[in-house]
Amino acid sequence: MFSSRITSLPFTHYSIEFSGFELHLLKEKAIWSPELKSLFLSDLHFGKASHFRKSGIPIPEPIHDEDLLKIEFLISTYQPEHFYFLGDLFHSDWNEQWDTLNNFLRKFEKTIFHLVKGNHDILDLSSYSTSNFEIHTRPIELGKFFLSHEPQYKIPTGLINLCGHIHPGVRLVGKARQSLRIPCFYLRDNQLILPAFGNFTGLAMIHPMPDDRIFGVTKEKVIAILS
């Protein structure tokens, strides 16, 4: 069903092929589909720092600036016609960072932005109706892909489920027993779980089965850990 190869131009990423569609797993923790001219990412959790400050925890807002710079880099590099956020775009209730995000995205006039809603996407209807996003309240089919926020148990035949939600991570152990935790893409059967894109998110260590495939994400490249 799948084939894979490493591609190093213009930067290092890992490519897999599914039913004639190529998916580039990017070190920016996103996926590029050249056939669909679409980018995919999950779990941005924008505005989370403001919620922490409301609770008395002094998290500076610039922690999200890196996320915006990465989004700008992805759009300027790939020139996507569509950009899909697979849930948990914004972290719960409204705060002023919702306007910051939308104002930022408005400058990319040639890209259509989509939100497949996740459990944290709970803004009121008026916020979504005046936003930059086409809103999808249920999983959607796109080519050979079934897009959702949470991993789906019933996936239409012949499709692969692109999703997020669990913030997958993997622990690497060196010869001297030193260890490092990094985010990863987690491929199992006909489901590909994306790492959390947001800079202010955690990791959930996964426990792969023998036939699962894991692609670790570092700042320099995507590496096949189990493939």
C-alpha atoms as a PDB file:
ATOM      1  CA  MET A   1       0.000   0.000   0.000  1.00  0.00           C
ATOM      2  CA  PHE A   2       2.787   2.417   0.911  1.00  0.00           C
ATOM      3  CA  SER A   3       6.203   3.133  -0.554  1.00  0.00           C
ATOM      4  CA  SER A   4       8.751   5.581   0.832  1.00  0.00           C
ATOM      5  CA  ARG A   5      11.926   7.440   0.013  1.00  0.00           C
ATOM      6  CA  ILE A   6      14.035  10.211   1.482  1.00  0.00           C
ATOM      7  CA  THR A   7      14.035  13.486  -0.411  1.00  0.00           C
ATOM      8  CA  SER A   8      16.615  16.140   0.364  1.00  0.00           C
ATOM      9  CA  LEU A   9      15.710  19.020  -1.934  1.00  0.00           C
ATOM     10  CA  PRO A  10      14.955  21.793  -1.209  1.00  0.00           C
ATOM     11  CA  PHE A  11      15.270  20.538   2.391  1.00  0.00           C
ATOM     12  CA  THR A  12      15.319  17.194   4.123  1.00  0.00           C
ATOM     13  CA  HIS A  13      11.969  15.503   4.574  1.00  0.00           C
ATOM     14  CA  TYR A  14      10.552  12.012   4.211  1.00  0.00           C
ATOM     15  CA  SER A  15       8.186  11.043   1.425  1.00  0.00           C
ATOM     16  CA  ILE A  16       5.652   8.251   1.365  1.00  0.00           C
ATOM     17  CA  GLU A  17       3.323   7.306  -1.457  1.00  0.00           C
ATOM     18  CA  PHE A  18      -0.263   6.135  -1.087  1.00  0.00           C
ATOM     19  CA  SER A  19      -2.419   5.100  -4.063  1.00  0.00           C
ATOM     20  CA  GLY A  20      -0.616   7.462  -6.408  1.00  0.00           C
ATOM     21  CA  PHE A  21      -0.575  10.377  -3.971  1.00  0.00           C
ATOM     22  CA  GLU A  22       2.713  11.559  -2.536  1.00  0.00           C
ATOM     23  CA  LEU A  23       2.924  12.867   1.015  1.00  0.00           C
ATOM     24  CA  HIS A  24       5.997  14.815   2.100  1.00  0.00           C
ATOM     25  CA  LEU A  25       6.477  14.591   5.876  1.00  0.00           C
ATOM     26  CA  LEU A  26       8.133  17.902   6.709  1.00  0.00           C
ATOM     27  CA  LYS A  27      10.491  18.806   9.538  1.00  0.00           C
ATOM     28  CA  GLU A  28       8.162  21.740  10.214  1.00  0.00           C
ATOM     29  CA  LYS A  29       5.674  19.099  11.505  1.00  0.00           C
ATOM     30  CA  ALA A  30       3.352  19.468   8.536  1.00  0.00           C
ATOM     31  CA  ILE A  31       2.521  17.464   5.398  1.00  0.00           C
ATOM     32  CA  TRP A  32       2.656  18.623   1.795  1.00  0.00           C
ATOM     33  CA  SER A  33       0.643  16.930  -0.953  1.00  0.00           C
ATOM     34  CA  PRO A  34       1.932  18.081  -4.374  1.00  0.00           C
ATOM     35  CA  GLU A  35      -0.944  16.422  -6.269  1.00  0.00           C
ATOM     36  CA  LEU A  36      -3.552  18.257  -4.186  1.00  0.00           C
ATOM     37  CA  LYS A  37      -1.408  21.396  -3.806  1.00  0.00           C
ATOM     38  CA  SER A  38      -2.360  21.260  -0.134  1.00  0.00           C
ATOM     39  CA  LEU A  39      -0.630  21.583   3.223  1.00  0.00           C
ATOM     40  CA  PHE A  40      -1.835  19.802   6.358  1.00  0.00           C
ATOM     41  CA  LEU A  41      -1.026  20.376  10.008  1.00  0.00           C
ATOM     42  CA  SER A  42      -2.691  19.687  13.333  1.00  0.00           C
ATOM     43  CA  ASP A  43      -2.842  20.993  16.890  1.00  0.00           C
ATOM     44  CA  LEU A  44      -1.617  24.554  16.590  1.00  0.00           C
ATOM     45  CA  HIS A  45      -3.298  25.537  19.894  1.00  0.00           C
ATOM     46  CA  PHE A  46      -2.861  29.219  19.111  1.00  0.00           C
ATOM     47  CA  GLY A  47      -3.811  31.572  21.946  1.00  0.00           C
ATOM     48  CA  LYS A  48      -2.929  29.039  24.652  1.00  0.00           C
ATOM     49  CA  ALA A  49      -0.463  31.416  26.302  1.00  0.00           C
ATOM     50  CA  SER A  50      -3.223  33.969  26.910  1.00  0.00           C
ATOM     51  CA  HIS A  51      -5.305  31.353  28.720  1.00  0.00           C
ATOM     52  CA  PHE A  52      -2.363  30.573  30.985  1.00  0.00           C
ATOM     53  CA  ARG A  53      -1.907  34.258  31.781  1.00  0.00           C
ATOM     54  CA  LYS A  54      -5.572  34.533  32.746  1.00  0.00           C
ATOM     55  CA  SER A  55      -4.866  31.779  35.273  1.00  0.00           C
ATOM     56  CA  GLY A  56      -1.954  33.745  36.697  1.00  0.00           C
ATOM     57  CA  ILE A  57       0.824  31.850  34.897  1.00  0.00           C
ATOM     58  CA  PRO A  58       3.099  34.411  33.162  1.00  0.00           C
ATOM     59  CA  ILE A  59       3.604  32.806  29.743  1.00  0.00           C
ATOM     60  CA  PRO A  60       4.773  35.435  27.196  1.00  0.00           C
ATOM     61  CA  GLU A  61       2.702  35.700  24.013  1.00  0.00           C
ATOM     62  CA  PRO A  62       5.761  35.634  21.688  1.00  0.00           C
ATOM     63  CA  ILE A  63       5.896  31.877  22.322  1.00  0.00           C
ATOM     64  CA  HIS A  64       3.438  31.646  19.407  1.00  0.00           C
ATOM     65  CA  ASP A  65       5.514  33.809  17.055  1.00  0.00           C
ATOM     66  CA  GLU A  66       7.589  30.827  15.964  1.00  0.00           C
ATOM     67  CA  ASP A  67       4.412  29.073  14.826  1.00  0.00           C
ATOM     68  CA  LEU A  68       3.405  32.009  12.628  1.00  0.00           C
ATOM     69  CA  LEU A  69       6.883  32.194  11.129  1.00  0.00           C
ATOM     70  CA  LYS A  70       6.744  28.488  10.279  1.00  0.00           C
ATOM     71  CA  ILE A  71       3.312  28.882   8.661  1.00  0.00           C
ATOM     72  CA  GLU A  72       4.607  31.817   6.617  1.00  0.00           C
ATOM     73  CA  PHE A  73       7.632  29.772   5.565  1.00  0.00           C
ATOM     74  CA  LEU A  74       5.450  26.841   4.493  1.00  0.00           C
ATOM     75  CA  ILE A  75       3.125  29.025   2.439  1.00  0.00           C
ATOM     76  CA  SER A  76       5.916  30.992   0.759  1.00  0.00           C
ATOM     77  CA  THR A  77       7.799  27.768  -0.049  1.00  0.00           C
ATOM     78  CA  TYR A  78       4.976  25.552  -1.319  1.00  0.00           C
ATOM     79  CA  GLN A  79       2.421  28.131  -2.518  1.00  0.00           C
ATOM     80  CA  PRO A  80      -0.510  25.897  -1.501  1.00  0.00           C
ATOM     81  CA  GLU A  81      -3.945  26.357  -2.988  1.00  0.00           C
ATOM     82  CA  HIS A  82      -5.435  24.864   0.194  1.00  0.00           C
ATOM     83  CA  PHE A  83      -4.200  24.712   3.768  1.00  0.00           C
ATOM     84  CA  TYR A  84      -5.943  22.290   6.153  1.00  0.00           C
ATOM     85  CA  PHE A  85      -5.778  22.658   9.927  1.00  0.00           C
ATOM     86  CA  LEU A  86      -6.783  19.277  11.369  1.00  0.00           C
ATOM     87  CA  GLY A  87      -8.299  20.488  14.603  1.00  0.00           C
ATOM     88  CA  ASP A  88      -7.298  22.293  17.789  1.00  0.00           C
ATOM     89  CA  LEU A  89      -6.431  25.378  15.801  1.00  0.00           C
ATOM     90  CA  PHE A  90      -7.234  27.692  18.710  1.00  0.00           C
ATOM     91  CA  HIS A  91      -7.022  26.840  22.386  1.00  0.00           C
ATOM     92  CA  SER A  92     -10.591  26.985  23.736  1.00  0.00           C
ATOM     93  CA  ASP A  93     -12.366  30.262  24.568  1.00  0.00           C
ATOM     94  CA  TRP A  94     -11.910  33.459  22.598  1.00  0.00           C
ATOM     95  CA  ASN A  95      -9.082  35.836  23.358  1.00  0.00           C
ATOM     96  CA  GLU A  96      -7.438  38.598  21.329  1.00  0.00           C
ATOM     97  CA  GLN A  97      -5.033  36.137  19.714  1.00  0.00           C
ATOM     98  CA  TRP A  98      -7.871  34.847  17.521  1.00  0.00           C
ATOM     99  CA  ASP A  99      -7.828  38.220  15.748  1.00  0.00           C
ATOM    100  CA  THR A 100      -4.028  38.119  15.567  1.00  0.00           C
ATOM    101  CA  LEU A 101      -4.152  34.761  13.813  1.00  0.00           C
ATOM    102  CA  ASN A 102      -6.828  35.795  11.319  1.00  0.00           C
ATOM    103  CA  ASN A 103      -5.146  39.092  10.506  1.00  0.00           C
ATOM    104  CA  PHE A 104      -1.921  37.218   9.888  1.00  0.00           C
ATOM    105  CA  LEU A 105      -3.534  34.747   7.483  1.00  0.00           C
ATOM    106  CA  ARG A 106      -5.359  37.437   5.485  1.00  0.00           C
ATOM    107  CA  LYS A 107      -2.161  38.409   3.715  1.00  0.00           C
ATOM    108  CA  PHE A 108      -2.070  35.039   1.951  1.00  0.00           C
ATOM    109  CA  GLU A 109      -4.808  35.805  -0.543  1.00  0.00           C
ATOM    110  CA  LYS A 110      -4.073  32.905  -2.901  1.00  0.00           C
ATOM    111  CA  THR A 111      -4.533  30.213  -0.244  1.00  0.00           C
ATOM    112  CA  ILE A 112      -7.870  28.851   1.003  1.00  0.00           C
ATOM    113  CA  PHE A 113      -7.718  27.906   4.692  1.00  0.00           C
ATOM    114  CA  HIS A 114      -9.779  25.062   6.135  1.00  0.00           C
ATOM    115  CA  LEU A 115     -10.467  24.027   9.707  1.00  0.00           C
ATOM    116  CA  VAL A 116     -11.597  20.487  10.500  1.00  0.00           C
ATOM    117  CA  LYS A 117     -12.828  21.195  14.007  1.00  0.00           C
ATOM    118  CA  GLY A 118     -11.305  19.491  17.035  1.00  0.00           C
ATOM    119  CA  ASN A 119     -12.229  19.269  20.696  1.00  0.00           C
ATOM    120  CA  HIS A 120     -10.595  22.620  21.524  1.00  0.00           C
ATOM    121  CA  ASP A 121     -12.302  24.473  18.671  1.00  0.00           C
ATOM    122  CA  ILE A 122     -15.205  25.821  20.721  1.00  0.00           C
ATOM    123  CA  LEU A 123     -15.531  29.443  19.622  1.00  0.00           C
ATOM    124  CA  ASP A 124     -18.982  30.843  18.939  1.00  0.00           C
ATOM    125  CA  LEU A 125     -20.432  30.685  15.437  1.00  0.00           C
ATOM    126  CA  SER A 126     -19.931  34.396  14.812  1.00  0.00           C
ATOM    127  CA  SER A 127     -16.182  34.065  15.394  1.00  0.00           C
ATOM    128  CA  TYR A 128     -15.936  31.338  12.772  1.00  0.00           C
ATOM    129  CA  SER A 129     -18.293  32.994  10.282  1.00  0.00           C
ATOM    130  CA  THR A 130     -16.122  36.142  10.147  1.00  0.00           C
ATOM    131  CA  SER A 131     -12.825  34.250  10.078  1.00  0.00           C
ATOM    132  CA  ASN A 132     -10.487  33.263   7.253  1.00  0.00           C
ATOM    133  CA  PHE A 133     -11.501  29.615   7.450  1.00  0.00           C
ATOM    134  CA  GLU A 134     -13.865  27.274   5.703  1.00  0.00           C
ATOM    135  CA  ILE A 135     -15.248  25.324   8.663  1.00  0.00           C
ATOM    136  CA  HIS A 136     -15.783  21.554   8.598  1.00  0.00           C
ATOM    137  CA  THR A 137     -17.616  20.182  11.631  1.00  0.00           C
ATOM    138  CA  ARG A 138     -17.178  16.548  10.570  1.00  0.00           C
ATOM    139  CA  PRO A 139     -14.362  14.515   8.987  1.00  0.00           C
ATOM    140  CA  ILE A 140     -14.092  15.085   5.237  1.00  0.00           C
ATOM    141  CA  GLU A 141     -12.862  13.091   2.244  1.00  0.00           C
ATOM    142  CA  LEU A 142     -10.235  14.667   0.005  1.00  0.00           C
ATOM    143  CA  GLY A 143      -8.821  12.563  -2.793  1.00  0.00           C
ATOM    144  CA  LYS A 144      -7.505   9.411  -1.124  1.00  0.00           C
ATOM    145  CA  PHE A 145      -7.484  11.043   2.307  1.00  0.00           C
ATOM    146  CA  PHE A 146      -9.978  11.073   5.163  1.00  0.00           C
ATOM    147  CA  LEU A 147      -9.320  14.202   7.218  1.00  0.00           C
ATOM    148  CA  SER A 148     -10.235  14.396  10.890  1.00  0.00           C
ATOM    149  CA  HIS A 149      -8.962  15.728  14.179  1.00  0.00           C
ATOM    150  CA  GLU A 150      -9.209  12.628  16.335  1.00  0.00           C
ATOM    151  CA  PRO A 151      -8.031   9.269  14.960  1.00  0.00           C
ATOM    152  CA  GLN A 152     -10.974   7.485  13.360  1.00  0.00           C
ATOM    153  CA  TYR A 153     -11.882   3.841  13.922  1.00  0.00           C
ATOM    154  CA  LYS A 154     -14.120   3.576  10.867  1.00  0.00           C
ATOM    155  CA  ILE A 155     -12.162   4.733   7.826  1.00  0.00           C
ATOM    156  CA  PRO A 156     -13.736   4.473   4.365  1.00  0.00           C
ATOM    157  CA  THR A 157     -12.239   1.674   2.287  1.00  0.00           C
ATOM    158  CA  GLY A 158      -9.259   2.742   0.196  1.00  0.00           C
ATOM    159  CA  LEU A 159      -8.587   5.953   2.127  1.00  0.00           C
ATOM    160  CA  ILE A 160      -5.931   6.939   4.639  1.00  0.00           C
ATOM    161  CA  ASN A 161      -6.946   8.894   7.734  1.00  0.00           C
ATOM    162  CA  LEU A 162      -4.838  12.032   8.288  1.00  0.00           C
ATOM    163  CA  CYS A 163      -5.404  13.218  11.851  1.00  0.00           C
ATOM    164  CA  GLY A 164      -3.810  14.616  15.006  1.00  0.00           C
ATOM    165  CA  HIS A 165      -5.101  15.058  18.554  1.00  0.00           C
ATOM    166  CA  ILE A 166      -2.701  12.786  20.452  1.00  0.00           C
ATOM    167  CA  HIS A 167       0.539  14.824  19.966  1.00  0.00           C
ATOM    168  CA  PRO A 168       2.629  11.709  19.227  1.00  0.00           C
ATOM    169  CA  GLY A 169       6.212  11.546  20.446  1.00  0.00           C
ATOM    170  CA  VAL A 170       8.949   8.955  20.632  1.00  0.00           C
ATOM    171  CA  ARG A 171      11.833   8.441  23.036  1.00  0.00           C
ATOM    172  CA  LEU A 172      15.278   7.823  21.571  1.00  0.00           C
ATOM    173  CA  VAL A 173      17.829   6.056  23.768  1.00  0.00           C
ATOM    174  CA  GLY A 174      21.583   6.258  23.132  1.00  0.00           C
ATOM    175  CA  LYS A 175      24.317   3.741  23.886  1.00  0.00           C
ATOM    176  CA  ALA A 176      25.196   5.511  27.138  1.00  0.00           C
ATOM    177  CA  ARG A 177      21.525   5.392  28.184  1.00  0.00           C
ATOM    178  CA  GLN A 178      21.015   9.062  27.430  1.00  0.00           C
ATOM    179  CA  SER A 179      17.560   9.743  26.024  1.00  0.00           C
ATOM    180  CA  LEU A 180      15.775  12.338  23.943  1.00  0.00           C
ATOM    181  CA  ARG A 181      12.058  12.836  23.372  1.00  0.00           C
ATOM    182  CA  ILE A 182      11.033  14.141  19.957  1.00  0.00           C
ATOM    183  CA  PRO A 183       7.728  14.555  18.088  1.00  0.00           C
ATOM    184  CA  CYS A 184       6.912  12.095  15.344  1.00  0.00           C
ATOM    185  CA  PHE A 185       4.592  11.115  12.537  1.00  0.00           C
ATOM    186  CA  TYR A 186       2.910   7.844  13.471  1.00  0.00           C
ATOM    187  CA  LEU A 187       1.707   5.573  10.657  1.00  0.00           C
ATOM    188  CA  ARG A 188      -0.401   2.546  11.510  1.00  0.00           C
ATOM    189  CA  ASP A 189      -2.450   0.559   9.012  1.00  0.00           C
ATOM    190  CA  ASN A 190      -4.411   3.184   7.023  1.00  0.00           C
ATOM    191  CA  GLN A 191      -3.958   6.027   9.502  1.00  0.00           C
ATOM    192  CA  LEU A 192      -1.256   8.708   9.676  1.00  0.00           C
ATOM    193  CA  ILE A 193      -1.192  10.758  12.891  1.00  0.00           C
ATOM    194  CA  LEU A 194       0.559  14.114  12.647  1.00  0.00           C
ATOM    195  CA  PRO A 195       2.742  15.618  15.376  1.00  0.00           C
ATOM    196  CA  ALA A 196       1.422  18.682  17.176  1.00  0.00           C
ATOM    197  CA  PHE A 197       2.455  21.743  15.189  1.00  0.00           C
ATOM    198  CA  GLY A 198       2.196  24.285  17.996  1.00  0.00           C
ATOM    199  CA  ASN A 199       5.307  25.413  19.838  1.00  0.00           C
ATOM    200  CA  PHE A 200       3.409  25.439  23.146  1.00  0.00           C
ATOM    201  CA  THR A 201       2.248  21.802  23.191  1.00  0.00           C
ATOM    202  CA  GLY A 202       3.390  18.609  24.881  1.00  0.00           C
ATOM    203  CA  LEU A 203       4.179  15.086  23.737  1.00  0.00           C
ATOM    204  CA  ALA A 204       2.396  11.780  24.329  1.00  0.00           C
ATOM    205  CA  MET A 205       4.805   8.867  24.069  1.00  0.00           C
ATOM    206  CA  ILE A 206       3.460   6.205  21.720  1.00  0.00           C
ATOM    207  CA  HIS A 207       3.871   2.445  22.009  1.00  0.00           C
ATOM    208  CA  PRO A 208       4.021   1.135  18.438  1.00  0.00           C
ATOM    209  CA  MET A 209       2.970  -2.321  17.331  1.00  0.00           C
ATOM    210  CA  PRO A 210       5.368  -4.414  15.201  1.00  0.00           C
ATOM    211  CA  ASP A 211       3.942  -3.286  11.821  1.00  0.00           C
ATOM    212  CA  ASP A 212       3.678   0.412  12.710  1.00  0.00           C
ATOM    213  CA  ARG A 213       5.989   3.020  11.196  1.00  0.00           C
ATOM    214  CA  ILE A 214       7.439   6.006  13.033  1.00  0.00           C
ATOM    215  CA  PHE A 215       9.114   9.051  11.518  1.00  0.00           C
ATOM    216  CA  GLY A 216      10.866  11.232  14.086  1.00  0.00           C
ATOM    217  CA  VAL A 217      11.045  15.001  13.657  1.00  0.00           C
ATOM    218  CA  THR A 218      14.172  17.009  14.469  1.00  0.00           C
ATOM    219  CA  LYS A 219      15.036  20.590  13.604  1.00  0.00           C
ATOM    220  CA  GLU A 220      17.175  19.348  10.727  1.00  0.00           C
ATOM    221  CA  LYS A 221      15.175  16.536   9.164  1.00  0.00           C
ATOM    222  CA  VAL A 222      12.570  13.783   9.398  1.00  0.00           C
ATOM    223  CA  ILE A 223      14.075  10.372  10.115  1.00  0.00           C
ATOM    224  CA  ALA A 224      12.604   6.887   9.807  1.00  0.00           C
ATOM    225  CA  ILE A 225      12.853   5.273  13.238  1.00  0.00           C
ATOM    226  CA  LEU A 226      10.627   2.305  12.460  1.00  0.00           C
ATOM    227  CA  SER A 227       9.805   1.743   8.819  1.00  0.00           C
END
